[in-house]
Amino acid sequence: MSLLSELTEIANQLKVPARTAVYSGKPPDEYLVFTPLYDSFEIHADNKPGIDVQEVRISLFSKGNYNHTKSRLVKALLNSDITITARKYVGHEDDTGYHHYAIDVAKEYGL
């Protein structure tokens, strides 16, 4: 399993549309975009990777109050043993009308 797969499953459970790219056509009033940030193999004394570390930025875009969805998302991430490494309000995009909130997450997968 990959972090992107887990995040897609969480988005489906929360009933929030999600993509790993831009929306084609008119986007919904609230949606998520997943941007892979980092993948690495941790090397140990035997020079063989033991774990795969994956990091993703979750961008929440909302034309309304984003706090309810943000809270539900954070709770779902923590319940899935996904580490939250950063959270921040990016700003309001005046040209689109969306609030943008970013959550950076990471998870280790055994090989």
C-alpha atoms as a PDB file:
ATOM      1  CA  MET A   1       0.000   0.000   0.000  1.00  0.00           C
ATOM      2  CA  SER A   2       1.147   3.570  -0.599  1.00  0.00           C
ATOM      3  CA  LEU A   3       0.444   6.798   1.213  1.00  0.00           C
ATOM      4  CA  LEU A   4      -1.444   8.174  -1.809  1.00  0.00           C
ATOM      5  CA  SER A   5      -3.701   5.104  -1.752  1.00  0.00           C
ATOM      6  CA  GLU A   6      -4.394   5.529   1.957  1.00  0.00           C
ATOM      7  CA  LEU A   7      -5.150   9.235   1.514  1.00  0.00           C
ATOM      8  CA  THR A   8      -7.515   8.520  -1.365  1.00  0.00           C
ATOM      9  CA  GLU A   9      -9.343   5.995   0.813  1.00  0.00           C
ATOM     10  CA  ILE A  10      -9.643   8.546   3.648  1.00  0.00           C
ATOM     11  CA  ALA A  11     -10.977  11.185   1.236  1.00  0.00           C
ATOM     12  CA  ASN A  12     -13.574   8.698  -0.038  1.00  0.00           C
ATOM     13  CA  GLN A  13     -14.662   7.880   3.529  1.00  0.00           C
ATOM     14  CA  LEU A  14     -15.028  11.606   4.287  1.00  0.00           C
ATOM     15  CA  LYS A  15     -16.873  12.108   0.968  1.00  0.00           C
ATOM     16  CA  VAL A  16     -14.479  14.870  -0.114  1.00  0.00           C
ATOM     17  CA  PRO A  17     -13.380  14.722  -3.773  1.00  0.00           C
ATOM     18  CA  ALA A  18      -9.625  14.286  -4.180  1.00  0.00           C
ATOM     19  CA  ARG A  19      -7.104  14.370  -7.029  1.00  0.00           C
ATOM     20  CA  THR A  20      -3.354  14.119  -7.497  1.00  0.00           C
ATOM     21  CA  ALA A  21      -3.577  16.710 -10.287  1.00  0.00           C
ATOM     22  CA  VAL A  22      -5.647  19.751 -11.174  1.00  0.00           C
ATOM     23  CA  TYR A  23      -9.366  19.407 -11.828  1.00  0.00           C
ATOM     24  CA  SER A  24     -10.520  19.463 -15.413  1.00  0.00           C
ATOM     25  CA  GLY A  25     -13.726  21.396 -15.807  1.00  0.00           C
ATOM     26  CA  LYS A  26     -15.424  23.108 -12.910  1.00  0.00           C
ATOM     27  CA  PRO A  27     -14.076  21.962  -9.509  1.00  0.00           C
ATOM     28  CA  PRO A  28     -16.454  21.382  -6.584  1.00  0.00           C
ATOM     29  CA  ASP A  29     -16.828  23.936  -3.771  1.00  0.00           C
ATOM     30  CA  GLU A  30     -14.564  21.798  -1.581  1.00  0.00           C
ATOM     31  CA  TYR A  31     -11.873  19.344  -2.618  1.00  0.00           C
ATOM     32  CA  LEU A  32      -8.429  17.927  -1.826  1.00  0.00           C
ATOM     33  CA  VAL A  33      -5.264  17.828  -3.932  1.00  0.00           C
ATOM     34  CA  PHE A  34      -2.454  15.398  -3.039  1.00  0.00           C
ATOM     35  CA  THR A  35       1.090  16.419  -3.980  1.00  0.00           C
ATOM     36  CA  PRO A  36       3.846  13.847  -3.398  1.00  0.00           C
ATOM     37  CA  LEU A  37       6.769  15.570  -1.655  1.00  0.00           C
ATOM     38  CA  TYR A  38       9.350  12.951  -0.813  1.00  0.00           C
ATOM     39  CA  ASP A  39      10.093   9.225  -1.075  1.00  0.00           C
ATOM     40  CA  SER A  40      13.169   7.624   0.434  1.00  0.00           C
ATOM     41  CA  PHE A  41      14.618   4.296   1.438  1.00  0.00           C
ATOM     42  CA  GLU A  42      16.250   4.336   4.833  1.00  0.00           C
ATOM     43  CA  ILE A  43      19.626   2.607   4.650  1.00  0.00           C
ATOM     44  CA  HIS A  44      20.957   0.543   7.530  1.00  0.00           C
ATOM     45  CA  ALA A  45      24.296  -1.111   8.302  1.00  0.00           C
ATOM     46  CA  ASP A  46      23.811  -3.803   5.649  1.00  0.00           C
ATOM     47  CA  ASN A  47      23.215  -1.142   2.937  1.00  0.00           C
ATOM     48  CA  LYS A  48      19.753  -2.563   2.223  1.00  0.00           C
ATOM     49  CA  PRO A  49      16.642  -0.454   2.671  1.00  0.00           C
ATOM     50  CA  GLY A  50      14.421  -1.520   5.542  1.00  0.00           C
ATOM     51  CA  ILE A  51      11.626   1.004   5.216  1.00  0.00           C
ATOM     52  CA  ASP A  52      10.127   3.259   2.582  1.00  0.00           C
ATOM     53  CA  VAL A  53       9.291   6.757   3.868  1.00  0.00           C
ATOM     54  CA  GLN A  54       6.639   8.637   1.877  1.00  0.00           C
ATOM     55  CA  GLU A  55       5.567  12.257   2.363  1.00  0.00           C
ATOM     56  CA  VAL A  56       2.610  14.051   0.763  1.00  0.00           C
ATOM     57  CA  ARG A  57       1.107  17.532   0.993  1.00  0.00           C
ATOM     58  CA  ILE A  58      -2.681  17.568   1.282  1.00  0.00           C
ATOM     59  CA  SER A  59      -4.162  20.832   0.036  1.00  0.00           C
ATOM     60  CA  LEU A  60      -7.721  21.478   1.164  1.00  0.00           C
ATOM     61  CA  PHE A  61      -9.565  23.995  -1.012  1.00  0.00           C
ATOM     62  CA  SER A  62     -12.910  25.278   0.247  1.00  0.00           C
ATOM     63  CA  LYS A  63     -15.192  28.127  -0.759  1.00  0.00           C
ATOM     64  CA  GLY A  64     -16.865  27.992   2.669  1.00  0.00           C
ATOM     65  CA  ASN A  65     -15.712  27.365   6.219  1.00  0.00           C
ATOM     66  CA  TYR A  66     -12.871  24.854   5.864  1.00  0.00           C
ATOM     67  CA  ASN A  67     -12.504  24.198   9.620  1.00  0.00           C
ATOM     68  CA  HIS A  68     -15.075  21.372   9.841  1.00  0.00           C
ATOM     69  CA  THR A  69     -13.483  19.408   7.004  1.00  0.00           C
ATOM     70  CA  LYS A  70      -9.989  20.160   8.337  1.00  0.00           C
ATOM     71  CA  SER A  71     -10.921  18.750  11.757  1.00  0.00           C
ATOM     72  CA  ARG A  72     -12.475  15.598  10.274  1.00  0.00           C
ATOM     73  CA  LEU A  73      -9.453  15.108   8.023  1.00  0.00           C
ATOM     74  CA  VAL A  74      -6.924  15.542  10.851  1.00  0.00           C
ATOM     75  CA  LYS A  75      -8.827  13.046  13.015  1.00  0.00           C
ATOM     76  CA  ALA A  76      -8.962  10.498  10.169  1.00  0.00           C
ATOM     77  CA  LEU A  77      -5.229  10.908   9.486  1.00  0.00           C
ATOM     78  CA  LEU A  78      -4.300  10.369  13.120  1.00  0.00           C
ATOM     79  CA  ASN A  79      -6.642   7.361  13.382  1.00  0.00           C
ATOM     80  CA  SER A  80      -4.837   5.860  10.364  1.00  0.00           C
ATOM     81  CA  ASP A  81      -1.406   6.197  12.029  1.00  0.00           C
ATOM     82  CA  ILE A  82      -0.330   8.817   9.511  1.00  0.00           C
ATOM     83  CA  THR A  83       2.109  11.363  10.933  1.00  0.00           C
ATOM     84  CA  ILE A  84       1.207  15.020  10.463  1.00  0.00           C
ATOM     85  CA  THR A  85       4.441  16.974   9.993  1.00  0.00           C
ATOM     86  CA  ALA A  86       3.002  20.452   9.311  1.00  0.00           C
ATOM     87  CA  ARG A  87      -0.318  22.315   9.076  1.00  0.00           C
ATOM     88  CA  LYS A  88      -0.870  25.847   7.854  1.00  0.00           C
ATOM     89  CA  TYR A  89      -3.412  28.189   6.377  1.00  0.00           C
ATOM     90  CA  VAL A  90      -1.945  29.177   3.036  1.00  0.00           C
ATOM     91  CA  GLY A  91      -4.445  31.936   2.326  1.00  0.00           C
ATOM     92  CA  HIS A  92      -7.551  32.970   0.451  1.00  0.00           C
ATOM     93  CA  GLU A  93      -7.297  32.876  -3.313  1.00  0.00           C
ATOM     94  CA  ASP A  94      -9.195  35.987  -4.355  1.00  0.00           C
ATOM     95  CA  ASP A  95      -9.305  35.015  -8.027  1.00  0.00           C
ATOM     96  CA  THR A  96     -10.990  31.635  -7.334  1.00  0.00           C
ATOM     97  CA  GLY A  97     -12.741  32.288  -4.002  1.00  0.00           C
ATOM     98  CA  TYR A  98     -11.141  29.273  -2.296  1.00  0.00           C
ATOM     99  CA  HIS A  99      -9.542  29.120   1.141  1.00  0.00           C
ATOM    100  CA  HIS A 100      -6.363  27.013   0.915  1.00  0.00           C
ATOM    101  CA  TYR A 101      -5.228  24.964   3.916  1.00  0.00           C
ATOM    102  CA  ALA A 102      -2.220  22.619   3.701  1.00  0.00           C
ATOM    103  CA  ILE A 103      -1.421  19.533   5.761  1.00  0.00           C
ATOM    104  CA  ASP A 104       1.907  17.743   5.246  1.00  0.00           C
ATOM    105  CA  VAL A 105       1.892  14.060   6.189  1.00  0.00           C
ATOM    106  CA  ALA A 106       4.348  11.157   6.274  1.00  0.00           C
ATOM    107  CA  LYS A 107       4.245   7.424   6.789  1.00  0.00           C
ATOM    108  CA  GLU A 108       6.799   4.628   6.914  1.00  0.00           C
ATOM    109  CA  TYR A 109       6.185   1.353   5.101  1.00  0.00           C
ATOM    110  CA  GLY A 110       8.170  -1.809   5.739  1.00  0.00           C
ATOM    111  CA  LEU A 111       9.756  -3.507   2.763  1.00  0.00           C
END
